[in-house]
Amino acid sequence: MTQTNIVILALVPFLMWRVYMRVKRLTVRQKSRPWRHWAAAVLFPVMLVVLAVMFAAKPVILAGIAAGTIVGSLLALVALSRTGFEHTDGDYFYTPYAPIGIGIAMLFIARLVYRGYEYFAYGPQDMPQFGSSPMTMVIFGLLAGYYVTYAIGLLRWRAAEKAKA
């Protein structure tokens, strides 16, 4: 193991801790902003379609994307059922259910860190191609499915609250 690999491995726990603290801040009471919800509800499906087209000839990769998306959507439904919603003084606020959101974000970031480690360990010429691992696609599908379903849930909640008023 080279000195660079040792330094990277030593920095990973610190980086994960910093990312965890940053993600944790996103799990407190937040103002609902429709443009953010719409962005997640539109951009993630576009990315999923692009990946599906890119890997149309690889059924294992497609199955990984589909499985991750389904599981992510189911987790988002659970998280939505445990999310705190508030409508006060004309503003909309929500408090996301932290354990699921943090877990998914940390899993995705851990996979990115691992891919970065592969890049430094093997070098760019020997690194596996993007999308060659079904695990990467499962994790991305999980993230995308979660955020799409959660964003749609938030948009539906806002619409229901406006209909009440």
N, C-alpha and C. Protein backbone atom coordinates (compact mmCIF):
# COMPACT_ATOMS: atom_id res chain seq x y z
N MET A 1 0.85 -1.17 0.00
CA MET A 1 0.00 0.00 0.00
C MET A 1 0.90 1.23 0.00
N THR A 2 0.58 2.15 -0.90
CA THR A 2 1.41 3.35 -1.02
C THR A 2 1.03 4.39 0.02
N GLN A 3 1.88 5.38 0.13
CA GLN A 3 1.62 6.46 1.10
C GLN A 3 0.34 7.21 0.74
N THR A 4 0.08 7.40 -0.54
CA THR A 4 -1.15 8.08 -0.97
C THR A 4 -2.38 7.31 -0.51
N ASN A 5 -2.36 5.99 -0.66
CA ASN A 5 -3.50 5.18 -0.22
C ASN A 5 -3.72 5.28 1.28
N ILE A 6 -2.64 5.29 2.03
CA ILE A 6 -2.76 5.39 3.50
C ILE A 6 -3.36 6.74 3.89
N VAL A 7 -2.92 7.82 3.24
CA VAL A 7 -3.45 9.15 3.52
C VAL A 7 -4.94 9.20 3.18
N ILE A 8 -5.31 8.65 2.05
CA ILE A 8 -6.72 8.65 1.64
C ILE A 8 -7.56 7.86 2.64
N LEU A 9 -7.09 6.69 3.02
CA LEU A 9 -7.83 5.88 3.99
C LEU A 9 -7.94 6.57 5.34
N ALA A 10 -6.92 7.33 5.71
CA ALA A 10 -6.97 8.05 6.98
C ALA A 10 -7.95 9.23 6.90
N LEU A 11 -8.10 9.83 5.74
CA LEU A 11 -9.00 10.97 5.58
C LEU A 11 -10.47 10.57 5.42
N VAL A 12 -10.73 9.37 4.98
CA VAL A 12 -12.11 8.94 4.72
C VAL A 12 -13.02 9.10 5.96
N PRO A 13 -12.62 8.63 7.15
CA PRO A 13 -13.52 8.84 8.30
C PRO A 13 -13.81 10.31 8.58
N PHE A 14 -12.81 11.16 8.43
CA PHE A 14 -13.03 12.59 8.64
C PHE A 14 -14.00 13.14 7.60
N LEU A 15 -13.80 12.78 6.34
CA LEU A 15 -14.68 13.25 5.28
C LEU A 15 -16.11 12.76 5.50
N MET A 16 -16.27 11.50 5.88
CA MET A 16 -17.61 10.97 6.13
C MET A 16 -18.27 11.69 7.29
N TRP A 17 -17.51 12.00 8.33
CA TRP A 17 -18.06 12.73 9.46
C TRP A 17 -18.53 14.11 9.03
N ARG A 18 -17.73 14.82 8.22
CA ARG A 18 -18.11 16.15 7.74
C ARG A 18 -19.37 16.08 6.87
N VAL A 19 -19.42 15.09 6.00
CA VAL A 19 -20.59 14.93 5.15
C VAL A 19 -21.81 14.62 6.00
N TYR A 20 -21.65 13.76 6.99
CA TYR A 20 -22.75 13.41 7.89
C TYR A 20 -23.28 14.68 8.57
N MET A 21 -22.39 15.52 9.06
CA MET A 21 -22.82 16.75 9.74
C MET A 21 -23.55 17.68 8.77
N ARG A 22 -23.09 17.73 7.55
CA ARG A 22 -23.74 18.58 6.54
C ARG A 22 -25.13 18.04 6.19
N VAL A 23 -25.22 16.74 6.00
CA VAL A 23 -26.51 16.13 5.69
C VAL A 23 -27.46 16.25 6.87
N LYS A 24 -26.93 16.13 8.06
CA LYS A 24 -27.75 16.22 9.27
C LYS A 24 -28.46 17.58 9.35
N ARG A 25 -27.78 18.63 8.89
CA ARG A 25 -28.40 19.95 8.90
C ARG A 25 -29.63 20.02 8.00
N LEU A 26 -29.68 19.15 7.00
CA LEU A 26 -30.82 19.12 6.10
C LEU A 26 -32.00 18.36 6.68
N THR A 27 -31.85 17.82 7.87
CA THR A 27 -32.92 17.03 8.46
C THR A 27 -33.65 17.77 9.57
N VAL A 28 -33.43 19.06 9.66
CA VAL A 28 -34.16 19.87 10.62
C VAL A 28 -35.31 20.57 9.90
N ARG A 29 -36.14 21.27 10.62
CA ARG A 29 -37.29 21.96 10.04
C ARG A 29 -36.83 22.85 8.88
N GLN A 30 -37.49 22.69 7.74
CA GLN A 30 -37.12 23.43 6.55
C GLN A 30 -38.34 24.08 5.93
N LYS A 31 -38.12 25.20 5.28
CA LYS A 31 -39.19 25.84 4.54
C LYS A 31 -39.37 25.09 3.23
N SER A 32 -40.61 24.78 2.92
CA SER A 32 -40.92 24.08 1.68
C SER A 32 -40.84 25.06 0.51
N ARG A 33 -39.98 24.73 -0.43
CA ARG A 33 -39.81 25.57 -1.61
C ARG A 33 -40.20 24.74 -2.84
N PRO A 34 -41.32 25.11 -3.47
CA PRO A 34 -41.82 24.29 -4.58
C PRO A 34 -40.81 24.09 -5.70
N TRP A 35 -40.00 25.08 -6.01
CA TRP A 35 -39.06 24.92 -7.11
C TRP A 35 -38.05 23.80 -6.83
N ARG A 36 -37.68 23.63 -5.56
CA ARG A 36 -36.76 22.54 -5.21
C ARG A 36 -37.44 21.19 -5.38
N HIS A 37 -38.69 21.12 -4.95
CA HIS A 37 -39.42 19.87 -5.08
C HIS A 37 -39.62 19.52 -6.56
N TRP A 38 -39.96 20.53 -7.36
CA TRP A 38 -40.14 20.28 -8.79
C TRP A 38 -38.82 19.88 -9.45
N ALA A 39 -37.73 20.50 -9.04
CA ALA A 39 -36.42 20.15 -9.62
C ALA A 39 -36.11 18.68 -9.36
N ALA A 40 -36.32 18.22 -8.12
CA ALA A 40 -36.05 16.80 -7.81
C ALA A 40 -37.02 15.89 -8.54
N ALA A 41 -38.28 16.31 -8.65
CA ALA A 41 -39.29 15.48 -9.29
C ALA A 41 -39.09 15.37 -10.80
N VAL A 42 -38.36 16.32 -11.38
CA VAL A 42 -38.13 16.30 -12.83
C VAL A 42 -36.72 15.80 -13.18
N LEU A 43 -35.70 16.31 -12.48
CA LEU A 43 -34.32 16.00 -12.87
C LEU A 43 -33.92 14.54 -12.60
N PHE A 44 -34.31 14.00 -11.46
CA PHE A 44 -33.94 12.62 -11.17
C PHE A 44 -34.55 11.62 -12.16
N PRO A 45 -35.83 11.76 -12.53
CA PRO A 45 -36.34 10.85 -13.56
C PRO A 45 -35.62 10.99 -14.90
N VAL A 46 -35.23 12.22 -15.24
CA VAL A 46 -34.47 12.42 -16.48
C VAL A 46 -33.15 11.66 -16.40
N MET A 47 -32.47 11.76 -15.25
CA MET A 47 -31.20 11.04 -15.09
C MET A 47 -31.42 9.53 -15.16
N LEU A 48 -32.51 9.06 -14.57
CA LEU A 48 -32.80 7.61 -14.62
C LEU A 48 -33.05 7.15 -16.05
N VAL A 49 -33.77 7.96 -16.82
CA VAL A 49 -34.03 7.60 -18.22
C VAL A 49 -32.73 7.60 -19.01
N VAL A 50 -31.88 8.59 -18.79
CA VAL A 50 -30.59 8.65 -19.49
C VAL A 50 -29.76 7.41 -19.17
N LEU A 51 -29.70 7.03 -17.90
CA LEU A 51 -28.95 5.83 -17.51
C LEU A 51 -29.57 4.58 -18.13
N ALA A 52 -30.89 4.51 -18.15
CA ALA A 52 -31.55 3.33 -18.75
C ALA A 52 -31.23 3.23 -20.23
N VAL A 53 -31.18 4.35 -20.93
CA VAL A 53 -30.83 4.33 -22.35
C VAL A 53 -29.36 3.94 -22.53
N MET A 54 -28.49 4.49 -21.67
CA MET A 54 -27.06 4.18 -21.77
C MET A 54 -26.78 2.69 -21.58
N PHE A 55 -27.54 2.07 -20.66
CA PHE A 55 -27.27 0.68 -20.31
C PHE A 55 -28.37 -0.27 -20.79
N ALA A 56 -29.02 0.10 -21.88
CA ALA A 56 -30.12 -0.71 -22.40
C ALA A 56 -29.68 -2.13 -22.76
N ALA A 57 -28.42 -2.29 -23.13
CA ALA A 57 -27.92 -3.61 -23.53
C ALA A 57 -27.40 -4.42 -22.34
N LYS A 58 -27.50 -3.88 -21.15
CA LYS A 58 -26.99 -4.57 -19.95
C LYS A 58 -28.15 -4.79 -18.98
N PRO A 59 -28.82 -5.92 -19.08
CA PRO A 59 -30.01 -6.15 -18.24
C PRO A 59 -29.72 -6.18 -16.74
N VAL A 60 -28.53 -6.61 -16.34
CA VAL A 60 -28.20 -6.65 -14.91
C VAL A 60 -28.13 -5.22 -14.36
N ILE A 61 -27.54 -4.33 -15.12
CA ILE A 61 -27.45 -2.93 -14.71
C ILE A 61 -28.85 -2.31 -14.64
N LEU A 62 -29.67 -2.58 -15.66
CA LEU A 62 -31.04 -2.05 -15.65
C LEU A 62 -31.83 -2.59 -14.47
N ALA A 63 -31.65 -3.86 -14.17
CA ALA A 63 -32.34 -4.45 -13.01
C ALA A 63 -31.88 -3.78 -11.72
N GLY A 64 -30.59 -3.45 -11.63
CA GLY A 64 -30.08 -2.76 -10.46
C GLY A 64 -30.69 -1.38 -10.30
N ILE A 65 -30.78 -0.64 -11.41
CA ILE A 65 -31.40 0.69 -11.37
C ILE A 65 -32.86 0.57 -10.94
N ALA A 66 -33.57 -0.38 -11.54
CA ALA A 66 -35.00 -0.55 -11.23
C ALA A 66 -35.19 -0.96 -9.77
N ALA A 67 -34.41 -1.92 -9.31
CA ALA A 67 -34.55 -2.38 -7.91
C ALA A 67 -34.25 -1.26 -6.94
N GLY A 68 -33.18 -0.51 -7.19
CA GLY A 68 -32.84 0.60 -6.31
C GLY A 68 -33.92 1.67 -6.30
N THR A 69 -34.50 1.94 -7.46
CA THR A 69 -35.55 2.96 -7.56
C THR A 69 -36.79 2.53 -6.78
N ILE A 70 -37.16 1.27 -6.91
CA ILE A 70 -38.34 0.77 -6.20
C ILE A 70 -38.12 0.82 -4.68
N VAL A 71 -36.98 0.34 -4.24
CA VAL A 71 -36.70 0.36 -2.79
C VAL A 71 -36.62 1.80 -2.28
N GLY A 72 -35.98 2.68 -3.05
CA GLY A 72 -35.90 4.09 -2.66
C GLY A 72 -37.28 4.72 -2.55
N SER A 73 -38.17 4.41 -3.48
CA SER A 73 -39.53 4.94 -3.43
C SER A 73 -40.28 4.44 -2.20
N LEU A 74 -40.11 3.17 -1.89
CA LEU A 74 -40.77 2.62 -0.70
C LEU A 74 -40.23 3.26 0.57
N LEU A 75 -38.94 3.48 0.63
CA LEU A 75 -38.35 4.15 1.79
C LEU A 75 -38.85 5.60 1.90
N ALA A 76 -39.04 6.26 0.76
CA ALA A 76 -39.56 7.63 0.79
C ALA A 76 -40.98 7.66 1.32
N LEU A 77 -41.78 6.67 0.96
CA LEU A 77 -43.15 6.61 1.49
C LEU A 77 -43.15 6.45 3.00
N VAL A 78 -42.24 5.62 3.51
CA VAL A 78 -42.11 5.47 4.96
C VAL A 78 -41.67 6.79 5.57
N ALA A 79 -40.68 7.44 4.96
CA ALA A 79 -40.18 8.71 5.48
C ALA A 79 -41.26 9.79 5.44
N LEU A 80 -42.06 9.82 4.39
CA LEU A 80 -43.14 10.80 4.30
C LEU A 80 -44.17 10.59 5.40
N SER A 81 -44.42 9.33 5.73
CA SER A 81 -45.40 9.07 6.79
C SER A 81 -44.89 9.51 8.16
N ARG A 82 -43.59 9.69 8.28
CA ARG A 82 -43.00 10.12 9.56
C ARG A 82 -42.48 11.55 9.52
N THR A 83 -42.75 12.24 8.44
CA THR A 83 -42.32 13.63 8.30
C THR A 83 -43.31 14.54 9.01
N GLY A 84 -42.77 15.56 9.66
CA GLY A 84 -43.62 16.55 10.31
C GLY A 84 -43.94 17.67 9.34
N PHE A 85 -45.22 17.99 9.20
CA PHE A 85 -45.66 19.04 8.28
C PHE A 85 -46.30 20.18 9.07
N GLU A 86 -46.00 21.42 8.66
CA GLU A 86 -46.59 22.59 9.31
C GLU A 86 -46.98 23.62 8.25
N HIS A 87 -48.11 24.23 8.45
CA HIS A 87 -48.56 25.33 7.61
C HIS A 87 -48.89 26.48 8.53
N THR A 88 -47.98 27.45 8.63
CA THR A 88 -48.15 28.56 9.56
C THR A 88 -47.95 29.89 8.85
N ASP A 89 -48.84 30.82 9.10
CA ASP A 89 -48.72 32.18 8.57
C ASP A 89 -48.46 32.22 7.06
N GLY A 90 -49.10 31.36 6.32
CA GLY A 90 -48.93 31.36 4.88
C GLY A 90 -47.68 30.66 4.39
N ASP A 91 -46.84 30.18 5.29
CA ASP A 91 -45.62 29.46 4.89
C ASP A 91 -45.79 27.97 5.18
N TYR A 92 -45.06 27.20 4.42
CA TYR A 92 -45.11 25.75 4.57
C TYR A 92 -43.76 25.27 5.06
N PHE A 93 -43.78 24.43 6.09
CA PHE A 93 -42.55 23.88 6.64
C PHE A 93 -42.71 22.37 6.79
N TYR A 94 -41.59 21.69 6.72
CA TYR A 94 -41.59 20.25 6.97
C TYR A 94 -40.30 19.87 7.69
N THR A 95 -40.40 18.82 8.47
CA THR A 95 -39.23 18.28 9.17
C THR A 95 -39.06 16.84 8.69
N PRO A 96 -38.06 16.60 7.83
CA PRO A 96 -37.88 15.26 7.28
C PRO A 96 -37.55 14.23 8.35
N TYR A 97 -37.90 13.00 8.08
CA TYR A 97 -37.56 11.89 8.96
C TYR A 97 -36.07 11.59 8.74
N ALA A 98 -35.27 11.91 9.71
CA ALA A 98 -33.81 11.92 9.56
C ALA A 98 -33.16 10.57 9.28
N PRO A 99 -33.49 9.49 9.99
CA PRO A 99 -32.71 8.26 9.80
C PRO A 99 -32.67 7.73 8.37
N ILE A 100 -33.79 7.78 7.68
CA ILE A 100 -33.80 7.24 6.31
C ILE A 100 -33.04 8.16 5.37
N GLY A 101 -33.29 9.45 5.45
CA GLY A 101 -32.60 10.41 4.58
C GLY A 101 -31.09 10.39 4.77
N ILE A 102 -30.66 10.38 6.01
CA ILE A 102 -29.22 10.35 6.30
C ILE A 102 -28.62 9.03 5.81
N GLY A 103 -29.31 7.94 6.06
CA GLY A 103 -28.80 6.63 5.64
C GLY A 103 -28.59 6.55 4.14
N ILE A 104 -29.56 7.01 3.38
CA ILE A 104 -29.45 6.96 1.91
C ILE A 104 -28.34 7.88 1.43
N ALA A 105 -28.28 9.09 1.97
CA ALA A 105 -27.23 10.02 1.56
C ALA A 105 -25.85 9.48 1.90
N MET A 106 -25.69 8.91 3.08
CA MET A 106 -24.38 8.38 3.48
C MET A 106 -23.99 7.17 2.63
N LEU A 107 -24.96 6.34 2.28
CA LEU A 107 -24.67 5.19 1.42
C LEU A 107 -24.17 5.66 0.05
N PHE A 108 -24.85 6.65 -0.51
CA PHE A 108 -24.44 7.19 -1.80
C PHE A 108 -23.06 7.81 -1.72
N ILE A 109 -22.81 8.60 -0.69
CA ILE A 109 -21.51 9.25 -0.54
C ILE A 109 -20.41 8.22 -0.28
N ALA A 110 -20.72 7.19 0.50
CA ALA A 110 -19.72 6.13 0.73
C ALA A 110 -19.35 5.45 -0.58
N ARG A 111 -20.33 5.25 -1.45
CA ARG A 111 -20.03 4.64 -2.76
C ARG A 111 -19.15 5.57 -3.60
N LEU A 112 -19.42 6.88 -3.54
CA LEU A 112 -18.58 7.83 -4.27
C LEU A 112 -17.15 7.82 -3.74
N VAL A 113 -17.02 7.75 -2.42
CA VAL A 113 -15.69 7.70 -1.81
C VAL A 113 -14.96 6.43 -2.25
N TYR A 114 -15.68 5.31 -2.27
CA TYR A 114 -15.08 4.05 -2.70
C TYR A 114 -14.62 4.14 -4.16
N ARG A 115 -15.46 4.75 -5.01
CA ARG A 115 -15.07 4.91 -6.41
C ARG A 115 -13.84 5.82 -6.52
N GLY A 116 -13.76 6.85 -5.68
CA GLY A 116 -12.57 7.70 -5.65
C GLY A 116 -11.34 6.93 -5.22
N TYR A 117 -11.53 6.04 -4.24
CA TYR A 117 -10.41 5.20 -3.79
C TYR A 117 -9.96 4.29 -4.94
N GLU A 118 -10.91 3.71 -5.66
CA GLU A 118 -10.54 2.86 -6.81
C GLU A 118 -9.72 3.65 -7.82
N TYR A 119 -10.12 4.90 -8.04
CA TYR A 119 -9.40 5.73 -9.01
C TYR A 119 -7.95 5.92 -8.58
N PHE A 120 -7.74 6.21 -7.30
CA PHE A 120 -6.38 6.42 -6.83
C PHE A 120 -5.61 5.11 -6.69
N ALA A 121 -6.29 4.04 -6.33
CA ALA A 121 -5.60 2.76 -6.13
C ALA A 121 -5.20 2.10 -7.45
N TYR A 122 -6.10 2.13 -8.42
CA TYR A 122 -5.85 1.44 -9.69
C TYR A 122 -5.33 2.36 -10.78
N GLY A 123 -5.58 3.64 -10.63
CA GLY A 123 -5.22 4.58 -11.68
C GLY A 123 -6.35 4.68 -12.69
N PRO A 124 -6.39 5.75 -13.44
CA PRO A 124 -7.51 5.96 -14.36
C PRO A 124 -7.61 4.92 -15.46
N GLN A 125 -6.48 4.35 -15.88
CA GLN A 125 -6.51 3.38 -16.97
C GLN A 125 -7.05 2.02 -16.54
N ASP A 126 -6.89 1.64 -15.28
CA ASP A 126 -7.35 0.34 -14.80
C ASP A 126 -8.65 0.40 -14.00
N MET A 127 -9.19 1.58 -13.85
CA MET A 127 -10.41 1.74 -13.06
C MET A 127 -11.60 1.17 -13.83
N PRO A 128 -12.50 0.46 -13.13
CA PRO A 128 -13.69 -0.04 -13.81
C PRO A 128 -14.51 1.11 -14.40
N GLN A 129 -15.15 0.84 -15.53
CA GLN A 129 -15.95 1.87 -16.19
C GLN A 129 -17.15 2.26 -15.34
N PHE A 130 -17.60 3.50 -15.53
CA PHE A 130 -18.81 3.97 -14.85
C PHE A 130 -19.97 3.08 -15.27
N GLY A 131 -20.72 2.63 -14.30
CA GLY A 131 -21.89 1.81 -14.59
C GLY A 131 -21.59 0.35 -14.79
N SER A 132 -20.32 -0.04 -14.66
CA SER A 132 -20.01 -1.46 -14.83
C SER A 132 -20.40 -2.25 -13.60
N SER A 133 -20.63 -1.57 -12.50
CA SER A 133 -21.01 -2.24 -11.27
C SER A 133 -22.51 -2.06 -11.01
N PRO A 134 -23.24 -3.15 -10.91
CA PRO A 134 -24.66 -3.03 -10.58
C PRO A 134 -24.87 -2.37 -9.21
N MET A 135 -23.91 -2.53 -8.29
CA MET A 135 -24.05 -1.93 -6.96
C MET A 135 -24.13 -0.40 -7.05
N THR A 136 -23.30 0.19 -7.90
CA THR A 136 -23.34 1.63 -8.08
C THR A 136 -24.71 2.06 -8.59
N MET A 137 -25.25 1.31 -9.53
CA MET A 137 -26.54 1.66 -10.11
C MET A 137 -27.69 1.42 -9.13
N VAL A 138 -27.57 0.40 -8.29
CA VAL A 138 -28.60 0.16 -7.26
C VAL A 138 -28.62 1.34 -6.30
N ILE A 139 -27.44 1.79 -5.89
CA ILE A 139 -27.36 2.90 -4.94
C ILE A 139 -27.87 4.19 -5.57
N PHE A 140 -27.53 4.43 -6.83
CA PHE A 140 -28.05 5.64 -7.48
C PHE A 140 -29.57 5.54 -7.65
N GLY A 141 -30.07 4.37 -8.03
CA GLY A 141 -31.52 4.18 -8.14
C GLY A 141 -32.21 4.41 -6.81
N LEU A 142 -31.60 3.93 -5.74
CA LEU A 142 -32.13 4.13 -4.39
C LEU A 142 -32.25 5.62 -4.08
N LEU A 143 -31.18 6.36 -4.34
CA LEU A 143 -31.17 7.80 -4.10
C LEU A 143 -32.21 8.50 -4.96
N ALA A 144 -32.24 8.19 -6.24
CA ALA A 144 -33.17 8.84 -7.16
C ALA A 144 -34.62 8.51 -6.81
N GLY A 145 -34.91 7.25 -6.56
CA GLY A 145 -36.27 6.86 -6.21
C GLY A 145 -36.73 7.54 -4.93
N TYR A 146 -35.84 7.64 -3.97
CA TYR A 146 -36.18 8.29 -2.70
C TYR A 146 -36.52 9.76 -2.93
N TYR A 147 -35.63 10.49 -3.60
CA TYR A 147 -35.83 11.92 -3.75
C TYR A 147 -37.01 12.26 -4.66
N VAL A 148 -37.24 11.48 -5.70
CA VAL A 148 -38.40 11.72 -6.57
C VAL A 148 -39.69 11.53 -5.78
N THR A 149 -39.81 10.41 -5.10
CA THR A 149 -41.03 10.11 -4.35
C THR A 149 -41.23 11.11 -3.22
N TYR A 150 -40.17 11.47 -2.54
CA TYR A 150 -40.28 12.42 -1.44
C TYR A 150 -40.71 13.79 -1.96
N ALA A 151 -40.12 14.23 -3.07
CA ALA A 151 -40.48 15.53 -3.65
C ALA A 151 -41.94 15.54 -4.10
N ILE A 152 -42.38 14.47 -4.73
CA ILE A 152 -43.78 14.39 -5.15
C ILE A 152 -44.70 14.40 -3.93
N GLY A 153 -44.31 13.71 -2.88
CA GLY A 153 -45.09 13.72 -1.65
C GLY A 153 -45.21 15.12 -1.06
N LEU A 154 -44.11 15.87 -1.09
CA LEU A 154 -44.14 17.24 -0.58
C LEU A 154 -45.03 18.14 -1.45
N LEU A 155 -44.96 17.96 -2.76
CA LEU A 155 -45.80 18.75 -3.66
C LEU A 155 -47.28 18.42 -3.44
N ARG A 156 -47.59 17.15 -3.24
CA ARG A 156 -48.98 16.75 -2.98
C ARG A 156 -49.47 17.33 -1.65
N TRP A 157 -48.60 17.31 -0.64
CA TRP A 157 -48.97 17.88 0.65
C TRP A 157 -49.28 19.37 0.51
N ARG A 158 -48.42 20.10 -0.21
CA ARG A 158 -48.66 21.53 -0.40
C ARG A 158 -49.97 21.78 -1.13
N ALA A 159 -50.23 20.98 -2.16
CA ALA A 159 -51.49 21.14 -2.91
C ALA A 159 -52.70 20.87 -2.02
N ALA A 160 -52.61 19.84 -1.18
CA ALA A 160 -53.72 19.52 -0.26
C ALA A 160 -53.93 20.65 0.75
N GLU A 161 -52.83 21.23 1.23
CA GLU A 161 -52.95 22.33 2.19
C GLU A 161 -53.56 23.57 1.54
N LYS A 162 -53.19 23.84 0.28
CA LYS A 162 -53.77 24.99 -0.43
C LYS A 162 -55.26 24.76 -0.68
N ALA A 163 -55.63 23.52 -0.96
CA ALA A 163 -57.04 23.20 -1.21
C ALA A 163 -57.87 23.40 0.06
N LYS A 164 -57.28 23.12 1.22
CA LYS A 164 -57.99 23.32 2.49
C LYS A 164 -58.25 24.80 2.76
N ALA A 165 -57.29 25.63 2.36
CA ALA A 165 -57.37 27.07 2.68
C ALA A 165 -58.36 27.83 1.80
